[in-house]
Amino acid sequence: MAIYVIRRNTNDEVAIINPDTGEQISQWWKMIYLNAKPTEYYGVKNHDNKYAIFHINNPNEPISQWYMKLA
């Protein structure tokens, strides 16, 4: 599994980036939540302050519903 980094843009949004290739892995979000260990899943907070979980291979479709907070 690749090691990814989180980058912030000038609009104060964050995205997951592959540091080896520079490829953007996720969309730009208000916040991204990653596990301390490498994983294929990550949580995001959108600009409506709702949360969802995504799989690293499908950054355009959440695998959970959108919630008001993560458990």
Protein backbone atom coordinates (compact mmCIF):
# COMPACT_ATOMS: atom_id res chain seq x y z
CA MET A 1 0.00 0.00 0.00
CA ALA A 2 1.31 3.43 -0.93
CA ILE A 3 2.05 6.13 1.61
CA TYR A 4 0.11 9.32 0.90
CA VAL A 5 0.37 12.90 2.11
CA ILE A 6 -2.24 15.59 2.64
CA ARG A 7 -1.74 18.92 0.89
CA ARG A 8 -3.56 22.20 1.50
CA ASN A 9 -4.42 24.57 -1.36
CA THR A 10 -4.79 28.35 -1.39
CA ASN A 11 -8.55 27.99 -0.68
CA ASP A 12 -7.69 26.21 2.62
CA GLU A 13 -8.95 22.86 1.27
CA VAL A 14 -7.08 19.57 1.62
CA ALA A 15 -6.55 16.60 -0.68
CA ILE A 16 -4.68 13.29 -0.54
CA ILE A 17 -1.62 13.25 -2.82
CA ASN A 18 0.72 10.44 -3.85
CA PRO A 19 4.12 12.00 -3.03
CA ASP A 20 5.98 9.71 -5.46
CA THR A 21 3.96 10.71 -8.53
CA GLY A 22 2.30 14.00 -7.47
CA GLU A 23 -1.05 12.44 -8.43
CA GLN A 24 -4.08 13.80 -6.59
CA ILE A 25 -5.90 10.83 -5.03
CA SER A 26 -8.94 12.56 -3.46
CA GLN A 27 -11.13 15.54 -4.17
CA TRP A 28 -10.49 18.81 -2.32
CA TRP A 29 -12.25 18.81 1.07
CA LYS A 30 -12.62 21.01 4.13
CA MET A 31 -10.96 18.27 6.23
CA ILE A 32 -9.64 14.73 5.70
CA TYR A 33 -9.36 12.13 8.44
CA LEU A 34 -6.82 9.33 8.06
CA ASN A 35 -5.96 6.42 10.29
CA ALA A 36 -2.44 6.44 11.76
CA LYS A 37 -1.70 3.21 9.87
CA PRO A 38 -1.87 3.10 6.06
CA THR A 39 -5.39 2.21 5.01
CA GLU A 40 -7.58 2.22 1.91
CA TYR A 41 -10.31 4.25 3.65
CA TYR A 42 -10.51 7.85 4.77
CA GLY A 43 -13.12 10.19 6.20
CA VAL A 44 -13.88 13.65 4.89
CA LYS A 45 -15.69 16.76 6.04
CA ASN A 46 -17.34 18.73 3.26
CA HIS A 47 -18.16 22.44 3.10
CA ASP A 48 -21.64 21.76 4.52
CA ASN A 49 -19.94 20.30 7.64
CA LYS A 50 -21.15 16.79 6.82
CA TYR A 51 -18.94 13.69 7.00
CA ALA A 52 -18.58 10.56 4.87
CA ILE A 53 -16.16 7.69 4.35
CA PHE A 54 -14.43 7.07 1.01
CA HIS A 55 -12.29 4.29 -0.47
CA ILE A 56 -8.96 5.38 -1.91
CA ASN A 57 -9.77 3.80 -5.32
CA ASN A 58 -13.10 5.61 -5.71
CA PRO A 59 -12.69 9.24 -4.60
CA ASN A 60 -15.91 10.42 -6.28
CA GLU A 61 -18.42 8.19 -4.48
CA PRO A 62 -18.66 7.79 -0.69
CA ILE A 63 -19.04 4.28 0.68
CA SER A 64 -21.17 5.64 3.54
CA GLN A 65 -24.04 8.06 3.76
CA TRP A 66 -23.32 11.69 4.60
CA TYR A 67 -23.61 12.30 8.36
CA MET A 68 -23.59 15.35 10.61
CA LYS A 69 -20.58 13.87 12.48
CA LEU A 70 -18.31 10.85 12.41
CA ALA A 71 -18.74 8.33 15.22
